[in-house]
Amino acid sequence: MPTPREDQPDRPGGLNPAALSVTDTARTLTRVGGQAITVAMIQRDIDDGAPTNADGTINLMYYAAWLVRELAERGNAAGANRGD
């Protein structure tokens, strides 16, 4: 039988994508994305306005949506700078 994770005792042996710690978010994105994502990178995004739950955990879907919006805005800004 799987043992409960210390950081999420109500989810035996698993992660809750609606409430991941910063560390688990970095680990998860590293595993699925194929490149290293660090805790510092996630924290920088939070400092820049990435959404978090009231308890400081991260909802992976909301975070992904925020990242997509940020990338789109940066792309639009870069296009404006080029005169596109």
C-alpha atoms as a PDB file:
ATOM      1  CA  MET A   1       0.000   0.000   0.000  1.00  0.00           C
ATOM      2  CA  PRO A   2       1.391   3.461  -0.875  1.00  0.00           C
ATOM      3  CA  THR A   3       2.453   5.660   1.989  1.00  0.00           C
ATOM      4  CA  PRO A   4       1.049   9.191   2.320  1.00  0.00           C
ATOM      5  CA  ARG A   5       3.293  12.021   1.194  1.00  0.00           C
ATOM      6  CA  GLU A   6       4.354  14.310   3.995  1.00  0.00           C
ATOM      7  CA  ASP A   7       3.395  17.490   2.145  1.00  0.00           C
ATOM      8  CA  GLN A   8      -0.038  16.163   1.136  1.00  0.00           C
ATOM      9  CA  PRO A   9      -1.294  13.722   3.751  1.00  0.00           C
ATOM     10  CA  ASP A  10      -4.843  13.637   2.346  1.00  0.00           C
ATOM     11  CA  ARG A  11      -3.618  12.238  -1.012  1.00  0.00           C
ATOM     12  CA  PRO A  12      -1.991   8.869  -0.316  1.00  0.00           C
ATOM     13  CA  GLY A  13       0.847   8.270  -2.755  1.00  0.00           C
ATOM     14  CA  GLY A  14      -0.164  11.002  -5.187  1.00  0.00           C
ATOM     15  CA  LEU A  15      -0.182  14.664  -6.003  1.00  0.00           C
ATOM     16  CA  ASN A  16      -3.133  17.011  -6.213  1.00  0.00           C
ATOM     17  CA  PRO A  17      -2.672  19.122  -9.370  1.00  0.00           C
ATOM     18  CA  ALA A  18      -4.988  21.742  -7.882  1.00  0.00           C
ATOM     19  CA  ALA A  19      -2.738  22.197  -4.830  1.00  0.00           C
ATOM     20  CA  LEU A  20       0.945  21.509  -5.501  1.00  0.00           C
ATOM     21  CA  SER A  21       3.768  22.838  -3.394  1.00  0.00           C
ATOM     22  CA  VAL A  22       6.320  24.985  -5.225  1.00  0.00           C
ATOM     23  CA  THR A  23       8.768  22.079  -5.005  1.00  0.00           C
ATOM     24  CA  ASP A  24       6.277  19.586  -6.435  1.00  0.00           C
ATOM     25  CA  THR A  25       5.363  22.039  -9.202  1.00  0.00           C
ATOM     26  CA  ALA A  26       9.020  22.327 -10.221  1.00  0.00           C
ATOM     27  CA  ARG A  27       9.484  18.543 -10.103  1.00  0.00           C
ATOM     28  CA  THR A  28       6.314  17.879 -12.094  1.00  0.00           C
ATOM     29  CA  LEU A  29       7.098  20.424 -14.799  1.00  0.00           C
ATOM     30  CA  THR A  30      10.655  19.116 -15.065  1.00  0.00           C
ATOM     31  CA  ARG A  31       9.379  15.567 -15.568  1.00  0.00           C
ATOM     32  CA  VAL A  32       6.724  16.395 -18.148  1.00  0.00           C
ATOM     33  CA  GLY A  33       8.546  19.213 -19.924  1.00  0.00           C
ATOM     34  CA  GLY A  34      11.900  17.623 -20.532  1.00  0.00           C
ATOM     35  CA  GLN A  35      13.917  20.554 -19.206  1.00  0.00           C
ATOM     36  CA  ALA A  36      14.910  21.544 -15.704  1.00  0.00           C
ATOM     37  CA  ILE A  37      12.454  23.815 -13.902  1.00  0.00           C
ATOM     38  CA  THR A  38      13.727  25.007 -10.541  1.00  0.00           C
ATOM     39  CA  VAL A  39      11.997  26.152  -7.389  1.00  0.00           C
ATOM     40  CA  ALA A  40      13.643  29.555  -7.951  1.00  0.00           C
ATOM     41  CA  MET A  41      12.034  29.796 -11.405  1.00  0.00           C
ATOM     42  CA  ILE A  42       8.584  29.027  -9.977  1.00  0.00           C
ATOM     43  CA  GLN A  43       9.120  31.492  -7.127  1.00  0.00           C
ATOM     44  CA  ARG A  44      10.148  34.197  -9.610  1.00  0.00           C
ATOM     45  CA  ASP A  45       6.891  33.605 -11.504  1.00  0.00           C
ATOM     46  CA  ILE A  46       4.922  33.883  -8.260  1.00  0.00           C
ATOM     47  CA  ASP A  47       6.736  37.126  -7.477  1.00  0.00           C
ATOM     48  CA  ASP A  48       5.772  38.318 -10.990  1.00  0.00           C
ATOM     49  CA  GLY A  49       2.087  37.573 -10.388  1.00  0.00           C
ATOM     50  CA  ALA A  50       1.531  33.870 -11.057  1.00  0.00           C
ATOM     51  CA  PRO A  51      -1.591  32.729  -9.215  1.00  0.00           C
ATOM     52  CA  THR A  52      -1.397  30.723  -6.005  1.00  0.00           C
ATOM     53  CA  ASN A  53      -3.997  29.283  -3.689  1.00  0.00           C
ATOM     54  CA  ALA A  54      -4.620  30.939  -0.328  1.00  0.00           C
ATOM     55  CA  ASP A  55      -2.310  28.406   1.337  1.00  0.00           C
ATOM     56  CA  GLY A  56       0.551  29.137  -1.084  1.00  0.00           C
ATOM     57  CA  THR A  57       0.113  25.999  -3.168  1.00  0.00           C
ATOM     58  CA  ILE A  58      -0.203  26.125  -6.943  1.00  0.00           C
ATOM     59  CA  ASN A  59      -3.105  25.006  -9.103  1.00  0.00           C
ATOM     60  CA  LEU A  60      -1.283  23.596 -12.114  1.00  0.00           C
ATOM     61  CA  MET A  61      -4.072  24.506 -14.554  1.00  0.00           C
ATOM     62  CA  TYR A  62      -4.236  28.132 -13.395  1.00  0.00           C
ATOM     63  CA  TYR A  63      -0.452  28.366 -13.453  1.00  0.00           C
ATOM     64  CA  ALA A  64      -0.306  26.934 -16.992  1.00  0.00           C
ATOM     65  CA  ALA A  65      -2.947  29.417 -18.150  1.00  0.00           C
ATOM     66  CA  TRP A  66      -0.962  32.263 -16.565  1.00  0.00           C
ATOM     67  CA  LEU A  67       2.215  31.092 -18.333  1.00  0.00           C
ATOM     68  CA  VAL A  68       0.444  30.960 -21.709  1.00  0.00           C
ATOM     69  CA  ARG A  69      -0.931  34.472 -21.194  1.00  0.00           C
ATOM     70  CA  GLU A  70       2.505  35.769 -20.174  1.00  0.00           C
ATOM     71  CA  LEU A  71       4.149  34.221 -23.235  1.00  0.00           C
ATOM     72  CA  ALA A  72       1.466  35.671 -25.519  1.00  0.00           C
ATOM     73  CA  GLU A  73       1.882  39.127 -24.009  1.00  0.00           C
ATOM     74  CA  ARG A  74       5.663  38.947 -24.365  1.00  0.00           C
ATOM     75  CA  GLY A  75       5.249  37.840 -27.972  1.00  0.00           C
ATOM     76  CA  ASN A  76       2.886  40.700 -28.688  1.00  0.00           C
ATOM     77  CA  ALA A  77       5.270  43.161 -27.072  1.00  0.00           C
ATOM     78  CA  ALA A  78       8.179  41.801 -29.120  1.00  0.00           C
ATOM     79  CA  GLY A  79       6.115  42.117 -32.291  1.00  0.00           C
ATOM     80  CA  ALA A  80       5.240  45.704 -31.460  1.00  0.00           C
ATOM     81  CA  ASN A  81       8.916  46.472 -30.920  1.00  0.00           C
ATOM     82  CA  ARG A  82       9.745  45.060 -34.369  1.00  0.00           C
ATOM     83  CA  GLY A  83       6.982  47.079 -35.992  1.00  0.00           C
ATOM     84  CA  ASP A  84       4.844  44.000 -36.857  1.00  0.00           C
END
